[in-house]
Amino acid sequence: MGLFDALRKGLAKTRDKIVAGLRTVLPIGRKIDEELLDQLTDTLLAGDMGPKAVAGLIEEVRAAWKAGQVREAQEIVPFLKERIAGTWSDKDRALRLAPQPPTVIFVVGINGSGKTTSVAKLAWYLRQQGRTVLLGACDTFRAAAVDQLVIWAHRADVDIVYQATGSDPAAVAYDACDAAIARKVDVLLIDTAGRLHTQDHLMRELNKIQRVVQKRLPDAPHEVLLVLDATIGQNAINQAKVFSQAVNVTGLFLAKLDGSAKGGIVVGIRDQLDIPVKFVGLGETMDAIEPFDPQRFVEALFAGV
């Protein structure tokens, strides 16, 4: 299955909801008027793009209509696709790599977001890029997280550093750094504890891991990727805001996009957060990951209109 096909399949639930509405609202030959714009607003909101993002898009459509740039309903979808895709830059979405390996990537997110599985997918993806990868299992408070990551590491054919449940996550991170340096690996992926009791707690724990890692690699981490569950829609944006207050999140991994009818959250994220979506998860298998591509995303989201 090609990348576009995988994304199109993954966005099926969201697309079904949006496309059905757009076909009703935007029949060929219908003239644009305020009633149409109201109906279009409701349809885009149903795709969970978020009130602010939708209001901005509708205002752009209204301005283009008033200026005579779009006149009929069938011209609106191409206009929307261009506007949505144009909000991301290629530079934003590139994975930050260290000038000299190892590149250190922290992966953060709450339990249930798909964080540990996403770490495994990232490991697999990086292996496919020809890079050597080491995993650091620093989510030590949840036995299942370590056990799960060990299994995924074997499947992805990457090494993993871990300790017993309840061990100090910072100690695991330090050992993982030592191992990454000694084995001359390209990328060290650190799976952090998936808890969000309070911002202060999160800050202390991540800061401790970061301080320990920086004793061995002063410019680390090079990326902090936040895993968000696409199925929770607008709540994912609230999660991202809380994490961003506690740690310098540099990119987002949007997991479970295939299980969600709220894939429009990608548009809302871009509108409300100054954090690029770097990867999307499109299924349970290890290879169900792809770098986020805005053009492919909008084509898959509006396919069939």
Protein backbone atom coordinates (compact mmCIF):
# COMPACT_ATOMS: atom_id res chain seq x y z
CA MET A 1 0.00 0.00 0.00
CA GLY A 2 1.42 3.40 -0.99
CA LEU A 3 1.74 6.29 1.43
CA PHE A 4 -1.25 8.13 -0.01
CA ASP A 5 -3.39 4.98 0.08
CA ALA A 6 -2.44 4.37 3.72
CA LEU A 7 -3.29 7.94 4.66
CA ARG A 8 -6.52 7.85 2.68
CA LYS A 9 -7.53 4.64 4.45
CA GLY A 10 -6.50 6.06 7.81
CA LEU A 11 -8.62 9.15 7.31
CA ALA A 12 -11.65 7.20 6.10
CA LYS A 13 -13.83 7.88 9.17
CA THR A 14 -13.07 11.59 9.16
CA ARG A 15 -13.45 11.87 5.40
CA ASP A 16 -16.80 10.06 5.38
CA LYS A 17 -18.18 12.62 7.82
CA ILE A 18 -16.75 15.66 6.02
CA VAL A 19 -17.32 14.52 2.43
CA ALA A 20 -20.96 13.61 3.00
CA GLY A 21 -21.57 17.10 4.35
CA LEU A 22 -19.63 18.84 1.60
CA ARG A 23 -21.46 16.99 -1.16
CA THR A 24 -24.73 18.25 0.28
CA VAL A 25 -23.55 21.81 0.86
CA LEU A 26 -21.47 22.24 -2.30
CA PRO A 27 -23.38 20.86 -5.30
CA ILE A 28 -22.01 21.84 -8.70
CA GLY A 29 -23.42 25.16 -9.87
CA ARG A 30 -24.64 26.41 -6.49
CA LYS A 31 -23.82 30.07 -6.03
CA ILE A 32 -21.96 31.12 -2.91
CA ASP A 33 -23.97 33.06 -0.34
CA GLU A 34 -24.06 33.51 3.42
CA GLU A 35 -26.37 30.51 3.87
CA LEU A 36 -23.85 28.30 2.08
CA LEU A 37 -21.05 29.63 4.29
CA ASP A 38 -23.08 28.86 7.42
CA GLN A 39 -23.65 25.30 6.22
CA LEU A 40 -19.98 24.95 5.31
CA THR A 41 -19.04 26.08 8.81
CA ASP A 42 -21.15 23.31 10.38
CA THR A 43 -19.64 20.69 8.05
CA LEU A 44 -16.04 21.62 8.85
CA LEU A 45 -16.78 21.76 12.57
CA ALA A 46 -18.16 18.21 12.31
CA GLY A 47 -14.70 17.11 11.16
CA ASP A 48 -13.30 18.46 14.45
CA MET A 49 -11.14 21.14 12.88
CA GLY A 50 -11.91 23.40 15.81
CA PRO A 51 -13.95 26.64 16.02
CA LYS A 52 -11.01 29.02 15.63
CA ALA A 53 -9.52 27.23 12.61
CA VAL A 54 -12.92 26.91 10.92
CA ALA A 55 -13.76 30.57 11.53
CA GLY A 56 -10.47 31.56 9.91
CA LEU A 57 -11.05 29.35 6.88
CA ILE A 58 -14.62 30.59 6.41
CA GLU A 59 -13.41 34.19 6.59
CA GLU A 60 -10.86 33.44 3.87
CA VAL A 61 -13.56 31.86 1.69
CA ARG A 62 -15.82 34.87 2.31
CA ALA A 63 -13.03 37.30 1.35
CA ALA A 64 -12.25 35.33 -1.82
CA TRP A 65 -15.96 35.27 -2.72
CA LYS A 66 -16.33 39.03 -2.18
CA ALA A 67 -13.21 39.60 -4.31
CA GLY A 68 -14.63 37.44 -7.09
CA GLN A 69 -11.90 34.81 -6.77
CA VAL A 70 -14.44 32.05 -6.09
CA ARG A 71 -18.01 32.25 -7.32
CA GLU A 72 -19.53 28.78 -7.20
CA ALA A 73 -19.66 25.97 -4.68
CA GLN A 74 -17.38 23.58 -6.57
CA GLU A 75 -14.53 26.10 -6.36
CA ILE A 76 -14.48 26.06 -2.56
CA VAL A 77 -12.83 22.68 -1.90
CA PRO A 78 -9.76 23.39 -4.08
CA PHE A 79 -9.51 26.76 -2.34
CA LEU A 80 -9.69 25.13 1.12
CA LYS A 81 -7.10 22.49 0.22
CA GLU A 82 -4.65 25.12 -0.94
CA ARG A 83 -5.16 27.25 2.17
CA ILE A 84 -4.88 24.33 4.63
CA ALA A 85 -1.81 22.76 3.00
CA GLY A 86 -0.10 26.14 2.76
CA THR A 87 -0.02 26.67 6.53
CA TRP A 88 2.85 24.20 7.05
CA SER A 89 6.44 24.64 5.92
CA ASP A 90 8.81 21.81 4.98
CA LYS A 91 11.39 23.10 7.43
CA ASP A 92 8.98 22.75 10.37
CA ARG A 93 8.36 19.09 9.70
CA ALA A 94 11.93 17.84 9.27
CA LEU A 95 13.23 15.67 12.10
CA ARG A 96 15.97 17.53 13.96
CA LEU A 97 19.22 15.58 13.84
CA ALA A 98 22.34 16.24 15.89
CA PRO A 99 25.41 17.55 14.02
CA GLN A 100 27.24 14.52 15.42
CA PRO A 101 25.41 11.34 16.50
CA PRO A 102 23.76 10.25 18.59
CA THR A 103 20.60 12.28 18.05
CA VAL A 104 18.52 12.10 21.24
CA ILE A 105 14.74 12.12 20.94
CA PHE A 106 12.50 12.27 24.01
CA VAL A 107 9.00 10.90 23.48
CA VAL A 108 6.36 12.21 25.89
CA GLY A 109 2.62 11.73 26.30
CA ILE A 110 0.04 10.41 28.72
CA ASN A 111 -0.77 6.73 29.23
CA GLY A 112 -3.26 5.52 26.67
CA SER A 113 -2.17 7.98 24.00
CA GLY A 114 -0.31 5.29 22.07
CA LYS A 115 3.08 6.61 23.22
CA THR A 116 4.97 3.34 23.66
CA THR A 117 3.70 1.93 20.37
CA SER A 118 4.64 5.19 18.67
CA VAL A 119 8.19 4.90 20.02
CA ALA A 120 8.42 1.48 18.40
CA LYS A 121 7.09 2.84 15.11
CA LEU A 122 9.66 5.63 15.18
CA ALA A 123 12.39 3.07 15.78
CA TRP A 124 11.18 1.04 12.80
CA TYR A 125 10.92 4.15 10.62
CA LEU A 126 14.44 5.29 11.46
CA ARG A 127 15.77 1.79 10.77
CA GLN A 128 14.15 1.97 7.33
CA GLN A 129 16.06 5.22 6.82
CA GLY A 130 19.27 3.30 7.34
CA ARG A 131 19.93 4.63 10.84
CA THR A 132 20.99 2.63 13.86
CA VAL A 133 18.66 3.06 16.83
CA LEU A 134 18.79 2.41 20.56
CA LEU A 135 15.74 2.58 22.85
CA GLY A 136 15.81 3.79 26.44
CA ALA A 137 12.85 2.46 28.44
CA CYS A 138 12.42 5.29 30.95
CA ASP A 139 8.71 4.70 31.59
CA THR A 140 9.73 2.58 34.57
CA PHE A 141 6.66 3.04 36.74
CA ARG A 142 4.43 0.94 34.51
CA ALA A 143 5.65 -2.63 34.09
CA ALA A 144 3.57 -3.11 30.96
CA ALA A 145 5.31 -0.18 29.26
CA VAL A 146 8.78 -1.71 29.66
CA ASP A 147 7.63 -5.20 28.72
CA GLN A 148 5.80 -3.87 25.68
CA LEU A 149 8.78 -1.84 24.53
CA VAL A 150 11.14 -4.83 24.89
CA ILE A 151 8.85 -6.85 22.61
CA TRP A 152 8.63 -4.01 20.08
CA ALA A 153 12.41 -3.54 20.16
CA HIS A 154 12.93 -7.16 19.16
CA ARG A 155 10.41 -6.81 16.35
CA ALA A 156 12.07 -3.63 15.09
CA ASP A 157 15.52 -5.25 15.43
CA VAL A 158 16.88 -2.50 17.67
CA ASP A 159 18.70 -2.68 21.00
CA ILE A 160 17.05 -1.50 24.20
CA VAL A 161 18.30 -0.38 27.60
CA TYR A 162 15.92 -1.03 30.50
CA GLN A 163 15.84 -1.76 34.21
CA ALA A 164 13.39 -3.27 36.67
CA THR A 165 9.98 -1.69 37.20
CA GLY A 166 10.23 1.18 39.68
CA SER A 167 13.82 2.07 38.79
CA ASP A 168 14.88 5.69 38.56
CA PRO A 169 14.04 6.83 34.98
CA ALA A 170 17.03 9.20 35.00
CA ALA A 171 19.38 6.30 35.80
CA VAL A 172 17.99 4.39 32.83
CA ALA A 173 18.46 7.45 30.63
CA TYR A 174 22.08 7.80 31.77
CA ASP A 175 22.80 4.14 31.00
CA ALA A 176 21.09 4.53 27.63
CA CYS A 177 23.32 7.51 26.80
CA ASP A 178 26.44 5.57 27.76
CA ALA A 179 25.33 2.68 25.58
CA ALA A 180 24.43 4.96 22.65
CA ILE A 181 27.87 6.58 22.76
CA ALA A 182 29.74 3.30 23.21
CA ARG A 183 27.86 1.57 20.38
CA LYS A 184 28.05 4.65 18.13
CA VAL A 185 24.32 4.56 17.31
CA ASP A 186 22.71 7.25 15.20
CA VAL A 187 19.56 7.82 17.27
CA LEU A 188 18.67 7.30 20.94
CA LEU A 189 14.90 7.19 21.51
CA ILE A 190 13.88 7.73 25.14
CA ASP A 191 10.38 6.68 26.17
CA THR A 192 9.48 8.83 29.18
CA ALA A 193 6.93 8.13 31.90
CA GLY A 194 3.40 8.54 30.62
CA ARG A 195 1.89 10.49 33.47
CA LEU A 196 0.43 13.94 33.77
CA HIS A 197 -0.65 14.42 37.39
CA THR A 198 0.46 18.04 37.57
CA GLN A 199 2.59 20.24 35.40
CA ASP A 200 5.11 20.60 38.24
CA HIS A 201 5.53 16.86 38.56
CA LEU A 202 6.01 16.45 34.84
CA MET A 203 8.50 19.29 34.73
CA ARG A 204 10.58 17.86 37.59
CA GLU A 205 10.74 14.37 36.13
CA LEU A 206 11.55 15.43 32.58
CA ASN A 207 14.02 18.03 33.80
CA LYS A 208 15.85 15.41 35.84
CA ILE A 209 16.09 13.10 32.83
CA GLN A 210 17.25 15.99 30.68
CA ARG A 211 19.93 17.06 33.18
CA VAL A 212 21.27 13.54 33.40
CA VAL A 213 21.30 13.11 29.62
CA GLN A 214 23.05 16.46 29.17
CA LYS A 215 25.92 15.33 31.43
CA ARG A 216 26.81 12.90 28.65
CA LEU A 217 25.42 14.80 25.65
CA PRO A 218 25.29 18.55 26.37
CA ASP A 219 23.10 19.55 23.41
CA ALA A 220 20.45 16.86 24.00
CA PRO A 221 17.57 16.33 23.55
CA HIS A 222 17.46 17.32 19.90
CA GLU A 223 13.74 16.58 19.63
CA VAL A 224 10.91 16.30 22.14
CA LEU A 225 8.02 14.59 20.41
CA LEU A 226 4.59 14.66 22.06
CA VAL A 227 2.30 11.76 21.20
CA LEU A 228 -1.36 12.78 20.97
CA ASP A 229 -4.36 10.49 20.58
CA ALA A 230 -6.29 11.67 17.51
CA THR A 231 -9.49 10.01 18.74
CA ILE A 232 -9.92 12.58 21.53
CA GLY A 233 -10.15 15.46 19.08
CA GLN A 234 -10.02 18.96 20.55
CA ASN A 235 -8.95 17.58 23.94
CA ALA A 236 -5.63 16.70 22.31
CA ILE A 237 -4.98 20.41 21.84
CA ASN A 238 -5.56 21.01 25.56
CA GLN A 239 -3.10 18.22 26.38
CA ALA A 240 -0.52 19.74 24.06
CA LYS A 241 -0.90 23.13 25.72
CA VAL A 242 -0.29 21.63 29.18
CA PHE A 243 2.77 19.69 28.03
CA SER A 244 4.15 22.73 26.24
CA GLN A 245 4.02 24.69 29.47
CA ALA A 246 6.10 22.00 31.15
CA VAL A 247 8.60 21.06 28.46
CA ASN A 248 9.84 22.42 25.14
CA VAL A 249 7.84 20.24 22.76
CA THR A 250 9.41 20.43 19.30
CA GLY A 251 7.06 18.19 17.33
CA LEU A 252 3.88 16.13 17.48
CA PHE A 253 3.20 12.49 16.69
CA LEU A 254 -0.52 12.13 16.03
CA ALA A 255 -1.41 8.54 16.92
CA LYS A 256 -4.55 6.49 16.18
CA LEU A 257 -5.51 8.65 13.20
CA ASP A 258 -6.98 5.54 11.58
CA GLY A 259 -9.40 5.00 14.47
CA SER A 260 -10.70 8.53 14.56
CA ALA A 261 -13.51 10.45 12.92
CA LYS A 262 -11.75 13.57 14.23
CA GLY A 263 -8.80 13.72 11.83
CA GLY A 264 -9.58 17.37 11.23
CA ILE A 265 -7.83 17.94 14.56
CA VAL A 266 -4.65 18.29 12.49
CA VAL A 267 -5.99 21.59 11.16
CA GLY A 268 -6.95 22.76 14.64
CA ILE A 269 -3.52 21.86 16.00
CA ARG A 270 -1.80 23.97 13.37
CA ASP A 271 -4.09 26.88 14.08
CA GLN A 272 -3.79 26.86 17.86
CA LEU A 273 -0.30 25.52 18.52
CA ASP A 274 3.02 26.62 17.13
CA ILE A 275 4.20 23.00 17.10
CA PRO A 276 4.56 21.04 13.84
CA VAL A 277 2.97 17.63 13.31
CA LYS A 278 5.94 15.48 12.30
CA PHE A 279 4.47 11.97 12.18
CA VAL A 280 1.08 10.27 12.04
CA GLY A 281 0.17 6.77 13.18
CA LEU A 282 -2.22 4.94 10.89
CA GLY A 283 -2.73 1.53 12.48
CA GLU A 284 -1.48 -1.10 14.92
CA THR A 285 1.38 -2.56 12.88
CA MET A 286 4.95 -1.33 13.18
CA ASP A 287 5.01 0.09 9.67
CA ALA A 288 1.78 2.06 10.20
CA ILE A 289 3.65 5.35 10.44
CA GLU A 290 4.49 8.07 7.99
CA PRO A 291 5.97 11.55 8.09
CA PHE A 292 3.23 14.14 8.00
CA ASP A 293 2.80 15.65 4.55
CA PRO A 294 0.28 18.51 4.40
CA GLN A 295 -0.46 18.10 0.69
CA ARG A 296 -1.13 14.37 1.00
CA PHE A 297 -3.17 15.03 4.12
CA VAL A 298 -5.56 17.48 2.46
CA GLU A 299 -5.85 15.32 -0.64
CA ALA A 300 -6.77 12.31 1.51
CA LEU A 301 -9.09 14.35 3.74
CA PHE A 302 -11.13 15.75 0.84
CA ALA A 303 -10.83 12.80 -1.56
CA GLY A 304 -14.13 12.09 -3.28
CA VAL A 305 -15.69 15.54 -2.92
